[in-house]
Every structure is written in structure tokens, then in C-alpha cells.
Amino acid sequence: MKRFLSVAALITVGLAMQTCSKKDLSFANNKDAASYNKPVGASAKDLLTNNSFSALLIEVQYIAGYAPDPAALVQLQQFLAIRVNKPGGITITTRAIADPGSATLSLSQVREIENKNRTAFNNGTRLSLYILYSNSDYTDAGTLGIAYRNTSAALMGKKIHENSGSFGQVSRTKLEATVLEHEVGHLLGLVDLGSAMQSEHKDAPHGNHCSNNQCLMYYASETTDVFSFLSRNSPPTLDASCLADLKANGGK
């Protein structure tokens, strides 16, 4: 059964950047595969502006037992509603999919799961994103999330569940929302992935991440390094440099 969350838009690495093979270009439910096989950040302007797309649909798929935290999804909607120009609204759907049966997932396996199961694609003036919640670890065991295509991201649901929500651990909502917003931040073109930097703030040793260790786009927000930070602090937010990048690319 699909569940829906909606919000009016009146209210918005381990980062994998690999060339797509021909095998990657086969979505079971859509023929226009090339539109969804671009580099991370390639759809940043489409996400931030209403030039081509005035509405946004986020399809969240998960393995049974690792459903997304509802409050984290609401926070993601709010995060987007104050930053992207989508007067037609932002909608999130959730749906369980079959267990891929693998203890660890490589980038190519994550792609294959999306290829087989994704059902939401761009339609008229509605842009679509895909987010997978897996029940497996990533090949890099310290990874909590990845953005891997222009409209695609994945969260390591098992790793998040194991490290949140119990006594002495950070709340699941807090951890999950942080990872979700971080990966979607990459899809919005941060840092230097499609939303050009207005000032130098790229943490080159950690790839496309912010050099400010208090910023949501600091590398730790998608790795297990974030646990100690979240246990002592409020969830990180985008700093002034990242916000300036989004605004310069058409965001609010």
C-alpha cells in the first residue's frame, strides 16, 4: 500500500559519481532512462526553480522492517519547501519492495534495485525523485547514505536502525532526517555539483562536501562519524555559504 504525505509549496562522500553503463539504462517502468542517469547535481536547477517543473514527487521505497520514519519525511518536506520553488506542491509516497537478499550492497546493486522498482518519473510539469531505504550495509560500512544519480539517493536503513532509537542513542527521526536532507542537498547541487559555489567552501579531501563542520553538508552527515555530533548538538543545518549557492541557482 502506498502512503502519501503532501505539503503546499507556499510554506522547500562517499558520494558516488560513476559513469553509467548501458546496463544501467534499463528502468523497468520507463523508456526515457537517460533523463534519470545523469550525474548527481545535474537536475539541481530543475529542482530549485519552477522554470520546467512546478511540482515535486518523491518516491520512497523500502524493504519490510525498514520503513522511513514519518517525522523524518515531514522534516524533509519542510526542508525542501523553504528552498525550492514548487508552487504545485511537494508530495512523498512510500512503498515496500522485495528484499534483494544481500547483506551488503554495491553502487551497481543499488542502481539495479532502482531500475527494477522505480515507478515515479517526470510527468509534465512534475519532477520526480527516488529514495531507497535498504536493509543492507553499503560496501563502505561507515556509509549511512549516498546520492548516486541526478534524481536518486539511498539510505542504509539497517545501519540507521542499529544506531538510533534505543537508550543512549540518537533519536531515529534526528539521524534519519539529517541523512535524508544531506543526500537531497547533493541532488540540489551542493557542494559544487551543479549549484556553483559563490565562495570557496568545498572540503576537497572529503569530496563534494562543505568545509564547515557545523553545516549539514559536512561529510560526516552521511557517515557514522555523525553519531557523536548528533548526540551532543541540534541537527545540523545549511550554512550561509551553501544557502547562497542554492539561491544563486534559482532557489528561494
Protein backbone atom coordinates (compact mmCIF):
# COMPACT_ATOMS: atom_id res chain seq x y z
CA MET A 1 0.00 0.00 0.00
CA LYS A 2 1.27 3.47 -0.83
CA ARG A 3 1.19 6.18 1.80
CA PHE A 4 1.09 9.85 0.88
CA LEU A 5 2.37 12.98 2.54
CA SER A 6 1.88 16.37 0.94
CA VAL A 7 2.77 19.95 1.73
CA ALA A 8 1.90 23.11 -0.15
CA ALA A 9 4.89 24.91 -1.58
CA LEU A 10 3.56 28.17 -0.20
CA ILE A 11 5.12 27.38 3.11
CA THR A 12 11.42 23.71 0.37
CA VAL A 13 31.17 11.29 0.32
CA GLY A 14 31.25 8.79 -0.15
CA LEU A 15 29.32 10.45 -2.96
CA ALA A 16 29.26 8.06 -5.92
CA MET A 17 29.94 9.75 -9.24
CA GLN A 18 30.39 6.96 -11.74
CA THR A 19 29.71 6.71 -15.43
CA CYS A 20 26.53 4.79 -16.19
CA SER A 21 26.93 1.64 -18.21
CA LYS A 22 24.43 0.52 -20.84
CA LYS A 23 23.06 -1.93 -18.28
CA ASP A 24 22.19 0.99 -16.03
CA LEU A 25 19.94 2.47 -18.70
CA SER A 26 17.08 -0.02 -18.24
CA PHE A 27 14.27 1.12 -15.97
CA ALA A 28 11.54 -1.48 -15.98
CA ASN A 29 8.77 1.12 -15.89
CA ASN A 30 10.07 3.93 -18.10
CA LYS A 31 11.63 4.23 -21.54
CA ASP A 32 13.22 7.66 -21.06
CA ALA A 33 16.03 6.24 -18.94
CA ALA A 34 18.64 8.80 -19.99
CA SER A 35 16.78 11.53 -18.08
CA TYR A 36 17.45 9.68 -14.82
CA ASN A 37 21.03 8.55 -15.48
CA LYS A 38 22.79 11.91 -15.25
CA PRO A 39 25.45 12.85 -12.70
CA VAL A 40 24.49 13.93 -9.19
CA GLY A 41 23.54 17.62 -9.30
CA ALA A 42 22.65 17.66 -12.99
CA SER A 43 18.99 18.34 -12.13
CA ALA A 44 19.73 20.96 -9.47
CA LYS A 45 18.24 23.89 -11.37
CA ASP A 46 15.14 21.87 -12.25
CA LEU A 47 14.72 21.09 -8.55
CA LEU A 48 15.31 24.62 -7.34
CA THR A 49 13.29 26.58 -9.89
CA ASN A 50 9.83 26.30 -11.45
CA ASN A 51 11.12 27.02 -14.95
CA SER A 52 10.41 23.49 -16.17
CA PHE A 53 8.81 21.77 -13.18
CA SER A 54 6.33 23.39 -10.78
CA ALA A 55 5.69 20.32 -8.60
CA LEU A 56 7.82 17.64 -6.97
CA LEU A 57 7.07 13.97 -6.24
CA ILE A 58 9.44 11.97 -4.04
CA GLU A 59 9.07 8.20 -4.30
CA VAL A 60 10.43 6.44 -1.21
CA GLN A 61 10.78 2.67 -1.42
CA TYR A 62 11.88 0.47 1.47
CA ILE A 63 12.47 -3.12 2.46
CA ALA A 64 9.97 -4.52 5.00
CA GLY A 65 11.09 -3.72 8.53
CA TYR A 66 12.93 -0.57 7.47
CA ALA A 67 10.10 1.81 6.65
CA PRO A 68 11.01 5.50 6.78
CA ASP A 69 10.34 7.45 9.94
CA PRO A 70 7.21 9.55 9.23
CA ALA A 71 8.51 12.56 11.15
CA ALA A 72 11.77 12.48 9.18
CA LEU A 73 9.80 12.61 5.93
CA VAL A 74 7.82 15.59 7.20
CA GLN A 75 11.10 17.33 8.03
CA LEU A 76 12.37 16.58 4.53
CA GLN A 77 9.25 18.19 3.05
CA GLN A 78 9.73 21.25 5.20
CA PHE A 79 13.42 21.41 4.31
CA LEU A 80 12.55 21.45 0.62
CA ALA A 81 9.50 23.71 0.87
CA ILE A 82 11.57 26.66 2.11
CA ARG A 83 14.29 26.20 -0.51
CA VAL A 84 12.75 25.10 -3.82
CA ASN A 85 10.21 26.89 -6.00
CA LYS A 86 7.46 24.32 -6.40
CA PRO A 87 4.08 26.15 -6.28
CA GLY A 88 2.37 22.92 -7.36
CA GLY A 89 3.41 21.28 -4.08
CA ILE A 90 5.72 18.58 -2.77
CA THR A 91 4.38 15.04 -2.34
CA ILE A 92 6.04 11.97 -0.83
CA THR A 93 4.86 8.40 -1.45
CA THR A 94 6.14 5.31 0.35
CA ARG A 95 6.00 1.67 -0.72
CA ALA A 96 7.58 -1.60 0.42
CA ILE A 97 9.55 -3.59 -2.17
CA ALA A 98 11.02 -7.09 -2.25
CA ASP A 99 14.11 -7.89 -0.22
CA PRO A 100 17.12 -8.04 -2.58
CA GLY A 101 18.65 -10.69 -0.31
CA SER A 102 22.12 -9.22 0.04
CA ALA A 103 23.93 -8.40 3.28
CA THR A 104 25.86 -5.63 1.57
CA LEU A 105 25.08 -3.54 -1.48
CA SER A 106 27.47 -2.08 -4.01
CA LEU A 107 26.65 1.01 -6.04
CA SER A 108 25.76 -1.13 -9.05
CA GLN A 109 23.36 -3.20 -6.93
CA VAL A 110 21.66 -0.06 -5.61
CA ARG A 111 21.21 1.10 -9.20
CA GLU A 112 19.74 -2.26 -10.17
CA ILE A 113 17.19 -2.11 -7.34
CA GLU A 114 16.05 1.30 -8.55
CA ASN A 115 15.98 0.15 -12.18
CA LYS A 116 13.69 -2.72 -11.26
CA ASN A 117 11.35 -0.96 -8.83
CA ARG A 118 11.14 2.78 -9.54
CA THR A 119 7.69 3.81 -10.75
CA ALA A 120 7.69 7.62 -10.39
CA PHE A 121 9.19 9.55 -13.28
CA ASN A 122 8.93 13.11 -14.54
CA ASN A 123 5.44 13.81 -15.82
CA GLY A 124 4.58 17.11 -17.48
CA THR A 125 5.49 19.84 -15.01
CA ARG A 126 6.08 17.40 -12.13
CA LEU A 127 9.66 16.41 -11.31
CA SER A 128 10.30 13.11 -9.53
CA LEU A 129 12.98 11.90 -7.12
CA TYR A 130 13.68 8.35 -5.94
CA ILE A 131 14.93 7.39 -2.46
CA LEU A 132 15.67 3.82 -1.40
CA TYR A 133 15.80 2.59 2.22
CA SER A 134 17.84 -0.60 2.15
CA ASN A 135 18.06 -3.42 4.68
CA SER A 136 21.73 -3.91 3.84
CA ASP A 137 25.01 -2.22 4.64
CA TYR A 138 26.83 -0.37 1.88
CA THR A 139 30.16 -1.77 0.71
CA ASP A 140 31.76 1.04 2.72
CA ALA A 141 30.40 0.01 6.12
CA GLY A 142 30.61 3.53 7.55
CA THR A 143 28.22 4.96 4.96
CA LEU A 144 24.69 5.95 6.00
CA GLY A 145 23.54 7.40 2.69
CA ILE A 146 24.55 8.07 -0.90
CA ALA A 147 23.38 10.30 -3.73
CA TYR A 148 24.21 8.42 -6.90
CA ARG A 149 22.21 9.85 -9.83
CA ASN A 150 20.66 13.21 -10.66
CA THR A 151 17.33 12.25 -9.08
CA SER A 152 18.32 9.27 -6.93
CA ALA A 153 19.59 8.64 -3.41
CA ALA A 154 19.71 5.74 -0.96
CA LEU A 155 19.78 5.40 2.83
CA MET A 156 21.27 2.41 4.60
CA GLY A 157 18.18 1.66 6.68
CA LYS A 158 19.71 -1.21 8.60
CA LYS A 159 22.70 0.86 9.72
CA ILE A 160 20.42 3.73 10.73
CA HIS A 161 18.12 1.43 12.72
CA GLU A 162 21.04 -0.22 14.51
CA ASN A 163 22.41 3.13 15.65
CA SER A 164 19.32 5.12 16.62
CA GLY A 165 16.15 4.98 18.68
CA SER A 166 17.41 2.95 21.65
CA PHE A 167 18.59 4.01 25.09
CA GLY A 168 21.78 6.05 24.83
CA GLN A 169 21.40 6.51 21.07
CA VAL A 170 20.31 9.49 18.99
CA SER A 171 16.62 9.51 18.03
CA ARG A 172 15.76 7.83 14.75
CA THR A 173 13.99 10.95 13.47
CA LYS A 174 17.04 13.10 14.18
CA LEU A 175 19.52 10.77 12.49
CA GLU A 176 17.32 9.85 9.55
CA ALA A 177 16.28 13.42 8.78
CA THR A 178 19.92 14.53 8.85
CA VAL A 179 21.00 11.87 6.35
CA LEU A 180 17.94 12.45 4.13
CA GLU A 181 18.47 16.21 3.96
CA HIS A 182 22.20 15.78 3.35
CA GLU A 183 21.68 13.47 0.36
CA VAL A 184 18.93 15.66 -1.09
CA GLY A 185 21.32 18.59 -0.62
CA HIS A 186 23.65 16.85 -3.05
CA LEU A 187 20.77 16.44 -5.52
CA LEU A 188 20.24 20.21 -5.17
CA GLY A 189 23.81 20.63 -6.42
CA LEU A 190 25.70 21.07 -3.14
CA VAL A 191 28.70 21.27 -2.85
CA ASP A 192 29.88 22.34 -6.32
CA LEU A 193 27.87 19.60 -8.04
CA GLY A 194 25.52 21.75 -10.10
CA SER A 195 24.92 24.73 -7.84
CA ALA A 196 28.09 26.74 -8.33
CA MET A 197 29.92 27.90 -5.21
CA GLN A 198 29.54 31.60 -4.53
CA SER A 199 32.51 31.42 -2.16
CA GLU A 200 35.15 28.78 -1.56
CA HIS A 201 33.81 26.27 0.97
CA LYS A 202 34.49 22.86 -0.55
CA ASP A 203 36.21 20.28 1.64
CA ALA A 204 38.34 18.75 -1.11
CA PRO A 205 39.77 15.88 0.99
CA HIS A 206 36.21 14.65 1.55
CA GLY A 207 34.91 15.20 -1.96
CA ASN A 208 31.83 17.34 -2.61
CA HIS A 209 31.22 18.44 0.95
CA CYS A 210 31.25 21.65 2.93
CA SER A 211 34.34 22.67 4.89
CA ASN A 212 32.20 23.97 7.79
CA ASN A 213 31.93 21.16 10.34
CA GLN A 214 28.65 22.67 11.65
CA CYS A 215 26.98 22.58 8.21
CA LEU A 216 24.53 19.91 7.07
CA MET A 217 26.74 19.32 4.03
CA TYR A 218 29.82 18.46 6.10
CA TYR A 219 30.95 14.96 5.11
CA ALA A 220 30.13 13.40 8.49
CA SER A 221 26.38 13.86 7.95
CA GLU A 222 26.29 10.82 5.67
CA THR A 223 28.66 8.61 7.69
CA THR A 224 28.79 7.02 11.11
CA ASP A 225 31.03 9.93 12.17
CA VAL A 226 27.81 11.91 12.69
CA PHE A 227 26.70 9.88 15.73
CA SER A 228 28.79 11.70 18.32
CA PHE A 229 27.90 15.09 16.82
CA LEU A 230 24.15 14.47 16.93
CA SER A 231 24.30 13.12 20.47
CA ARG A 232 25.64 16.48 21.67
CA ASN A 233 24.10 19.01 19.30
CA SER A 234 20.96 20.05 17.46
CA PRO A 235 20.66 18.64 13.92
CA PRO A 236 22.96 20.49 11.51
CA THR A 237 21.51 22.99 9.03
CA LEU A 238 22.82 24.51 5.82
CA ASP A 239 25.30 27.27 6.49
CA ALA A 240 25.34 30.68 4.79
CA SER A 241 27.69 29.52 2.02
CA CYS A 242 25.50 26.58 0.99
CA LEU A 243 22.35 28.71 1.14
CA ALA A 244 24.00 31.31 -1.09
CA ASP A 245 24.82 28.59 -3.64
CA LEU A 246 21.19 27.45 -3.76
CA LYS A 247 19.83 30.98 -4.11
CA ALA A 248 22.27 31.76 -6.91
CA ASN A 249 21.00 28.69 -8.80
CA GLY A 250 17.34 29.74 -8.55
CA GLY A 251 16.36 28.55 -5.07
CA LYS A 252 14.45 30.62 -2.55
